[in-house]
Amino acid sequence: MNETRTAGGSSLYREEDGLPPQEASGRTPADDAGDRQLVRCAAAGDAEAFDTLVLRYETPLRKLVYGYVLDWEVAEDVAQDAFLLAFRKLDRLDEHAAFKSWLYRIAINRALDELRYRSRWGRRLDGNVPDEALAEMPAPGAESRVESRLLRRALVRALAQLPKRQRTAVVLKDVVGMKYVEIAELLRCPIGTAQIRVHRGRRQLRRRLG
């Protein structure tokens, strides 16, 4: 299948409309076991263990939240809130559950709360998208720095116009870099549903960006 590659290797635009094959998870049992050990240590009062989890997940978590709120400062605040909430609730996390999915669900719920509080749905994005936010977004097909910035700005605005479920799926796949099986687990939906949401979101982005 021919694709236009984004920065970081994820594909945002596909030249075929067929759905991609199902994928294996990028996580390994060792990854989850490492997280669980850090969670146990953090719950027992080891601050450095939780700091390690923060360092491991702060970048993808910030990208995920930005995909919802489309405001860089708000995204950073929400991500910090999500980590604080996770730290306070570590004792509620089942020892066999994946910390990553649990943390991401906390962040998504917090982002939705923030959107409801600020009544941001349907609000037009400000024309001055910060450089930090643009750096987080893939720039497909860019041949120069200027073109890259323009494409990123257009992409941020196009994302804002996607239905919430499609936007979430596209951000998880193409910005955060998750596998379909991870997206399905996080969103608590069948893997085929996750694939369809990403597929439809990409199609709408392709139409909007020409």
C-alpha atoms as a PDB file:
ATOM      1  CA  MET A   1       0.000   0.000   0.000  1.00  0.00           C
ATOM      2  CA  ASN A   2       1.388   3.372  -0.964  1.00  0.00           C
ATOM      3  CA  GLU A   3       1.468   5.956   1.797  1.00  0.00           C
ATOM      4  CA  THR A   4       2.644   9.483   2.428  1.00  0.00           C
ATOM      5  CA  ARG A   5       4.882   9.237   5.470  1.00  0.00           C
ATOM      6  CA  THR A   6       4.812  11.671   8.340  1.00  0.00           C
ATOM      7  CA  ALA A   7       7.593  12.736  10.620  1.00  0.00           C
ATOM      8  CA  GLY A   8       8.269   9.934  13.044  1.00  0.00           C
ATOM      9  CA  GLY A   9       7.203   7.281  10.571  1.00  0.00           C
ATOM     10  CA  SER A  10       3.440   7.274  11.117  1.00  0.00           C
ATOM     11  CA  SER A  11       1.189   7.499   8.081  1.00  0.00           C
ATOM     12  CA  LEU A  12      -1.473  10.177   8.001  1.00  0.00           C
ATOM     13  CA  TYR A  13      -2.666   9.903   4.422  1.00  0.00           C
ATOM     14  CA  ARG A  14      -3.228   6.679   2.549  1.00  0.00           C
ATOM     15  CA  GLU A  15      -3.661   6.496  -1.188  1.00  0.00           C
ATOM     16  CA  GLU A  16      -6.063   3.569  -0.912  1.00  0.00           C
ATOM     17  CA  ASP A  17      -9.363   3.546   0.883  1.00  0.00           C
ATOM     18  CA  GLY A  18      -8.963  -0.026   2.087  1.00  0.00           C
ATOM     19  CA  LEU A  19      -8.588  -0.596   5.793  1.00  0.00           C
ATOM     20  CA  PRO A  20      -5.127  -1.604   7.043  1.00  0.00           C
ATOM     21  CA  PRO A  21      -4.501  -5.100   8.375  1.00  0.00           C
ATOM     22  CA  GLN A  22      -4.718  -5.679  12.089  1.00  0.00           C
ATOM     23  CA  GLU A  23      -1.501  -5.105  13.978  1.00  0.00           C
ATOM     24  CA  ALA A  24       0.233  -6.670  16.902  1.00  0.00           C
ATOM     25  CA  SER A  25       0.687  -4.488  19.946  1.00  0.00           C
ATOM     26  CA  GLY A  26       3.932  -2.538  20.162  1.00  0.00           C
ATOM     27  CA  ARG A  27       3.987  -3.261  23.907  1.00  0.00           C
ATOM     28  CA  THR A  28       5.732  -6.307  25.281  1.00  0.00           C
ATOM     29  CA  PRO A  29       5.099  -8.214  28.525  1.00  0.00           C
ATOM     30  CA  ALA A  30       8.391  -6.787  29.772  1.00  0.00           C
ATOM     31  CA  ASP A  31       7.131  -3.223  29.183  1.00  0.00           C
ATOM     32  CA  ASP A  32       3.966  -3.843  31.174  1.00  0.00           C
ATOM     33  CA  ALA A  33       5.876  -5.682  33.882  1.00  0.00           C
ATOM     34  CA  GLY A  34       8.277  -2.761  34.167  1.00  0.00           C
ATOM     35  CA  ASP A  35       5.391  -0.339  34.528  1.00  0.00           C
ATOM     36  CA  ARG A  36       3.754  -2.517  37.170  1.00  0.00           C
ATOM     37  CA  GLN A  37       6.965  -2.643  39.180  1.00  0.00           C
ATOM     38  CA  LEU A  38       7.281   1.142  39.015  1.00  0.00           C
ATOM     39  CA  VAL A  39       3.635   1.507  40.053  1.00  0.00           C
ATOM     40  CA  ARG A  40       4.175  -0.772  43.062  1.00  0.00           C
ATOM     41  CA  CYS A  41       7.225   1.204  44.123  1.00  0.00           C
ATOM     42  CA  ALA A  42       5.473   4.550  43.600  1.00  0.00           C
ATOM     43  CA  ALA A  43       2.433   3.400  45.580  1.00  0.00           C
ATOM     44  CA  ALA A  44       4.798   2.439  48.398  1.00  0.00           C
ATOM     45  CA  GLY A  45       6.159   5.973  48.499  1.00  0.00           C
ATOM     46  CA  ASP A  46       9.049   5.876  46.015  1.00  0.00           C
ATOM     47  CA  ALA A  47       8.830   9.299  44.340  1.00  0.00           C
ATOM     48  CA  GLU A  48      11.608   8.471  41.882  1.00  0.00           C
ATOM     49  CA  ALA A  49       9.605   5.518  40.563  1.00  0.00           C
ATOM     50  CA  PHE A  50       6.693   7.773  39.695  1.00  0.00           C
ATOM     51  CA  ASP A  51       9.069  10.329  38.172  1.00  0.00           C
ATOM     52  CA  THR A  52      10.266   7.550  35.865  1.00  0.00           C
ATOM     53  CA  LEU A  53       6.679   6.899  34.773  1.00  0.00           C
ATOM     54  CA  VAL A  54       6.174  10.606  34.147  1.00  0.00           C
ATOM     55  CA  LEU A  55       9.293  10.796  31.991  1.00  0.00           C
ATOM     56  CA  ARG A  56       8.179   7.713  30.098  1.00  0.00           C
ATOM     57  CA  TYR A  57       4.708   8.995  29.252  1.00  0.00           C
ATOM     58  CA  GLU A  58       4.700  12.788  29.461  1.00  0.00           C
ATOM     59  CA  THR A  59       5.310  13.383  25.745  1.00  0.00           C
ATOM     60  CA  PRO A  60       2.662  11.001  24.339  1.00  0.00           C
ATOM     61  CA  LEU A  61       0.216  12.102  27.035  1.00  0.00           C
ATOM     62  CA  ARG A  62       0.680  15.754  26.116  1.00  0.00           C
ATOM     63  CA  LYS A  63       0.159  14.919  22.430  1.00  0.00           C
ATOM     64  CA  LEU A  64      -2.976  12.973  23.261  1.00  0.00           C
ATOM     65  CA  VAL A  65      -4.497  15.802  25.295  1.00  0.00           C
ATOM     66  CA  TYR A  66      -3.548  18.371  22.661  1.00  0.00           C
ATOM     67  CA  GLY A  67      -5.496  16.330  20.121  1.00  0.00           C
ATOM     68  CA  TYR A  68      -8.581  16.966  22.224  1.00  0.00           C
ATOM     69  CA  VAL A  69      -8.239  20.542  23.420  1.00  0.00           C
ATOM     70  CA  LEU A  70      -6.134  21.980  20.554  1.00  0.00           C
ATOM     71  CA  ASP A  71      -4.662  24.507  22.943  1.00  0.00           C
ATOM     72  CA  TRP A  72      -1.059  24.004  23.961  1.00  0.00           C
ATOM     73  CA  GLU A  73      -1.139  25.652  27.378  1.00  0.00           C
ATOM     74  CA  VAL A  74      -4.366  23.875  28.298  1.00  0.00           C
ATOM     75  CA  ALA A  75      -2.901  20.568  27.097  1.00  0.00           C
ATOM     76  CA  GLU A  76       0.116  20.933  29.367  1.00  0.00           C
ATOM     77  CA  ASP A  77      -2.108  21.789  32.346  1.00  0.00           C
ATOM     78  CA  VAL A  78      -4.432  18.866  31.681  1.00  0.00           C
ATOM     79  CA  ALA A  79      -1.516  16.453  31.283  1.00  0.00           C
ATOM     80  CA  GLN A  80      -0.101  17.583  34.618  1.00  0.00           C
ATOM     81  CA  ASP A  81      -3.516  17.164  36.231  1.00  0.00           C
ATOM     82  CA  ALA A  82      -3.766  13.657  34.791  1.00  0.00           C
ATOM     83  CA  PHE A  83      -0.437  12.675  36.330  1.00  0.00           C
ATOM     84  CA  LEU A  84      -1.476  14.100  39.696  1.00  0.00           C
ATOM     85  CA  LEU A  85      -4.774  12.240  39.612  1.00  0.00           C
ATOM     86  CA  ALA A  86      -2.990   9.035  38.626  1.00  0.00           C
ATOM     87  CA  PHE A  87      -0.521   9.435  41.491  1.00  0.00           C
ATOM     88  CA  ARG A  88      -3.340   9.899  44.000  1.00  0.00           C
ATOM     89  CA  LYS A  89      -5.217   6.855  42.673  1.00  0.00           C
ATOM     90  CA  LEU A  90      -2.320   4.430  42.264  1.00  0.00           C
ATOM     91  CA  ASP A  91      -3.717   2.207  44.994  1.00  0.00           C
ATOM     92  CA  ARG A  92      -6.903   1.772  42.919  1.00  0.00           C
ATOM     93  CA  LEU A  93      -5.097   0.417  39.862  1.00  0.00           C
ATOM     94  CA  ASP A  94      -5.481  -3.333  39.494  1.00  0.00           C
ATOM     95  CA  GLU A  95      -2.053  -4.938  39.642  1.00  0.00           C
ATOM     96  CA  HIS A  96      -2.701  -6.745  36.358  1.00  0.00           C
ATOM     97  CA  ALA A  97      -3.982  -3.666  34.499  1.00  0.00           C
ATOM     98  CA  ALA A  98      -1.842  -1.706  32.040  1.00  0.00           C
ATOM     99  CA  PHE A  99      -0.716   1.584  33.565  1.00  0.00           C
ATOM    100  CA  LYS A 100      -0.465   3.225  30.136  1.00  0.00           C
ATOM    101  CA  SER A 101      -4.099   2.643  29.163  1.00  0.00           C
ATOM    102  CA  TRP A 102      -5.290   3.596  32.635  1.00  0.00           C
ATOM    103  CA  LEU A 103      -3.303   6.844  32.568  1.00  0.00           C
ATOM    104  CA  TYR A 104      -4.532   7.713  29.081  1.00  0.00           C
ATOM    105  CA  ARG A 105      -8.153   7.180  30.119  1.00  0.00           C
ATOM    106  CA  ILE A 106      -7.642   9.555  33.043  1.00  0.00           C
ATOM    107  CA  ALA A 107      -6.182  12.130  30.653  1.00  0.00           C
ATOM    108  CA  ILE A 108      -9.027  11.740  28.155  1.00  0.00           C
ATOM    109  CA  ASN A 109     -11.649  12.172  30.862  1.00  0.00           C
ATOM    110  CA  ARG A 110      -9.827  15.197  32.218  1.00  0.00           C
ATOM    111  CA  ALA A 111      -9.581  16.690  28.712  1.00  0.00           C
ATOM    112  CA  LEU A 112     -13.312  16.194  28.155  1.00  0.00           C
ATOM    113  CA  ASP A 113     -14.033  17.839  31.500  1.00  0.00           C
ATOM    114  CA  GLU A 114     -11.894  20.776  30.466  1.00  0.00           C
ATOM    115  CA  LEU A 115     -13.683  21.069  27.141  1.00  0.00           C
ATOM    116  CA  ARG A 116     -17.066  21.075  28.834  1.00  0.00           C
ATOM    117  CA  TYR A 117     -15.894  23.628  31.373  1.00  0.00           C
ATOM    118  CA  ARG A 118     -14.481  25.981  28.764  1.00  0.00           C
ATOM    119  CA  SER A 119     -17.209  25.346  26.183  1.00  0.00           C
ATOM    120  CA  ARG A 120     -14.567  24.919  23.510  1.00  0.00           C
ATOM    121  CA  TRP A 121     -16.548  22.659  21.153  1.00  0.00           C
ATOM    122  CA  GLY A 122     -17.072  24.447  17.858  1.00  0.00           C
ATOM    123  CA  ARG A 123     -14.798  27.328  18.745  1.00  0.00           C
ATOM    124  CA  ARG A 124     -12.551  28.453  15.894  1.00  0.00           C
ATOM    125  CA  LEU A 125      -8.846  27.988  16.512  1.00  0.00           C
ATOM    126  CA  ASP A 126      -6.789  31.094  17.023  1.00  0.00           C
ATOM    127  CA  GLY A 127      -4.593  31.923  14.056  1.00  0.00           C
ATOM    128  CA  ASN A 128      -1.432  31.936  16.154  1.00  0.00           C
ATOM    129  CA  VAL A 129      -0.815  28.247  16.803  1.00  0.00           C
ATOM    130  CA  PRO A 130       2.282  28.089  19.043  1.00  0.00           C
ATOM    131  CA  ASP A 131       5.505  26.602  17.701  1.00  0.00           C
ATOM    132  CA  GLU A 132       5.561  24.050  20.512  1.00  0.00           C
ATOM    133  CA  ALA A 133       2.225  22.680  19.375  1.00  0.00           C
ATOM    134  CA  LEU A 134       3.255  22.588  15.734  1.00  0.00           C
ATOM    135  CA  ALA A 135       6.370  20.638  16.637  1.00  0.00           C
ATOM    136  CA  GLU A 136       4.180  17.860  18.022  1.00  0.00           C
ATOM    137  CA  MET A 137       2.192  17.444  14.821  1.00  0.00           C
ATOM    138  CA  PRO A 138       3.333  15.398  11.808  1.00  0.00           C
ATOM    139  CA  ALA A 139       3.929  17.328   8.577  1.00  0.00           C
ATOM    140  CA  PRO A 140       3.251  14.947   5.666  1.00  0.00           C
ATOM    141  CA  GLY A 141       5.106  15.587   2.435  1.00  0.00           C
ATOM    142  CA  ALA A 142       6.866  18.756   3.587  1.00  0.00           C
ATOM    143  CA  GLU A 143       9.926  19.656   1.532  1.00  0.00           C
ATOM    144  CA  SER A 144      11.011  22.764   3.424  1.00  0.00           C
ATOM    145  CA  ARG A 145      10.794  24.215   6.898  1.00  0.00           C
ATOM    146  CA  VAL A 146       8.291  26.857   5.799  1.00  0.00           C
ATOM    147  CA  GLU A 147       6.134  24.287   4.023  1.00  0.00           C
ATOM    148  CA  SER A 148       6.318  22.062   7.073  1.00  0.00           C
ATOM    149  CA  ARG A 149       4.994  24.820   9.333  1.00  0.00           C
ATOM    150  CA  LEU A 150       2.176  25.644   6.926  1.00  0.00           C
ATOM    151  CA  LEU A 151       1.154  22.010   6.664  1.00  0.00           C
ATOM    152  CA  ARG A 152       1.184  21.617  10.427  1.00  0.00           C
ATOM    153  CA  ARG A 153      -0.998  24.700  10.878  1.00  0.00           C
ATOM    154  CA  ALA A 154      -3.452  23.388   8.309  1.00  0.00           C
ATOM    155  CA  LEU A 155      -3.434  19.983   9.985  1.00  0.00           C
ATOM    156  CA  VAL A 156      -4.224  21.415  13.427  1.00  0.00           C
ATOM    157  CA  ARG A 157      -7.193  23.293  12.002  1.00  0.00           C
ATOM    158  CA  ALA A 158      -8.421  20.286  10.067  1.00  0.00           C
ATOM    159  CA  LEU A 159      -8.208  18.126  13.195  1.00  0.00           C
ATOM    160  CA  ALA A 160     -10.397  20.622  15.047  1.00  0.00           C
ATOM    161  CA  GLN A 161     -13.179  19.994  12.525  1.00  0.00           C
ATOM    162  CA  LEU A 162     -13.205  16.212  12.837  1.00  0.00           C
ATOM    163  CA  PRO A 163     -15.900  14.472  14.903  1.00  0.00           C
ATOM    164  CA  LYS A 164     -14.605  13.781  18.393  1.00  0.00           C
ATOM    165  CA  ARG A 165     -14.277  10.012  18.005  1.00  0.00           C
ATOM    166  CA  GLN A 166     -12.412  10.273  14.719  1.00  0.00           C
ATOM    167  CA  ARG A 167     -10.141  13.005  16.029  1.00  0.00           C
ATOM    168  CA  THR A 168      -9.280  10.910  19.055  1.00  0.00           C
ATOM    169  CA  ALA A 169      -8.485   7.847  16.956  1.00  0.00           C
ATOM    170  CA  VAL A 170      -6.353   9.778  14.458  1.00  0.00           C
ATOM    171  CA  VAL A 171      -4.406  11.519  17.231  1.00  0.00           C
ATOM    172  CA  LEU A 172      -3.786   8.234  19.027  1.00  0.00           C
ATOM    173  CA  LYS A 173      -2.606   6.561  15.828  1.00  0.00           C
ATOM    174  CA  ASP A 174      -0.745   9.278  13.934  1.00  0.00           C
ATOM    175  CA  VAL A 175       0.385  11.720  16.621  1.00  0.00           C
ATOM    176  CA  VAL A 176       0.858   9.519  19.682  1.00  0.00           C
ATOM    177  CA  GLY A 177       1.896   6.534  17.547  1.00  0.00           C
ATOM    178  CA  MET A 178      -0.198   3.804  19.143  1.00  0.00           C
ATOM    179  CA  LYS A 179      -1.037   0.468  17.544  1.00  0.00           C
ATOM    180  CA  TYR A 180      -4.630  -0.313  16.625  1.00  0.00           C
ATOM    181  CA  VAL A 181      -4.868  -2.955  19.304  1.00  0.00           C
ATOM    182  CA  GLU A 182      -3.747  -0.386  21.902  1.00  0.00           C
ATOM    183  CA  ILE A 183      -6.252   2.179  20.620  1.00  0.00           C
ATOM    184  CA  ALA A 184      -9.042  -0.392  20.833  1.00  0.00           C
ATOM    185  CA  GLU A 185      -8.045  -1.257  24.395  1.00  0.00           C
ATOM    186  CA  LEU A 186      -7.863   2.383  25.410  1.00  0.00           C
ATOM    187  CA  LEU A 187     -11.177   3.352  23.817  1.00  0.00           C
ATOM    188  CA  ARG A 188     -12.795   0.088  24.892  1.00  0.00           C
ATOM    189  CA  CYS A 189     -14.022  -0.758  21.432  1.00  0.00           C
ATOM    190  CA  PRO A 190     -13.373  -3.596  18.941  1.00  0.00           C
ATOM    191  CA  ILE A 191     -10.151  -3.274  16.983  1.00  0.00           C
ATOM    192  CA  GLY A 192     -12.167  -3.041  13.763  1.00  0.00           C
ATOM    193  CA  THR A 193     -13.992  -0.010  15.153  1.00  0.00           C
ATOM    194  CA  ALA A 194     -10.677   1.648  16.006  1.00  0.00           C
ATOM    195  CA  GLN A 195      -9.441   1.007  12.459  1.00  0.00           C
ATOM    196  CA  ILE A 196     -12.614   2.439  10.934  1.00  0.00           C
ATOM    197  CA  ARG A 197     -12.400   5.606  13.047  1.00  0.00           C
ATOM    198  CA  VAL A 198      -8.794   6.205  12.025  1.00  0.00           C
ATOM    199  CA  HIS A 199      -9.608   5.416   8.398  1.00  0.00           C
ATOM    200  CA  ARG A 200     -12.566   7.802   8.260  1.00  0.00           C
ATOM    201  CA  GLY A 201     -10.695  10.528  10.095  1.00  0.00           C
ATOM    202  CA  ARG A 202      -7.790  10.279   7.651  1.00  0.00           C
ATOM    203  CA  ARG A 203     -10.178  10.442   4.716  1.00  0.00           C
ATOM    204  CA  GLN A 204     -11.753  13.641   6.056  1.00  0.00           C
ATOM    205  CA  LEU A 205      -8.343  15.173   6.708  1.00  0.00           C
ATOM    206  CA  ARG A 206      -7.257  14.293   3.189  1.00  0.00           C
ATOM    207  CA  ARG A 207     -10.340  15.998   1.756  1.00  0.00           C
ATOM    208  CA  ARG A 208      -9.939  19.102   3.904  1.00  0.00           C
ATOM    209  CA  LEU A 209      -6.238  19.452   3.147  1.00  0.00           C
ATOM    210  CA  GLY A 210      -6.619  18.713  -0.544  1.00  0.00           C
END
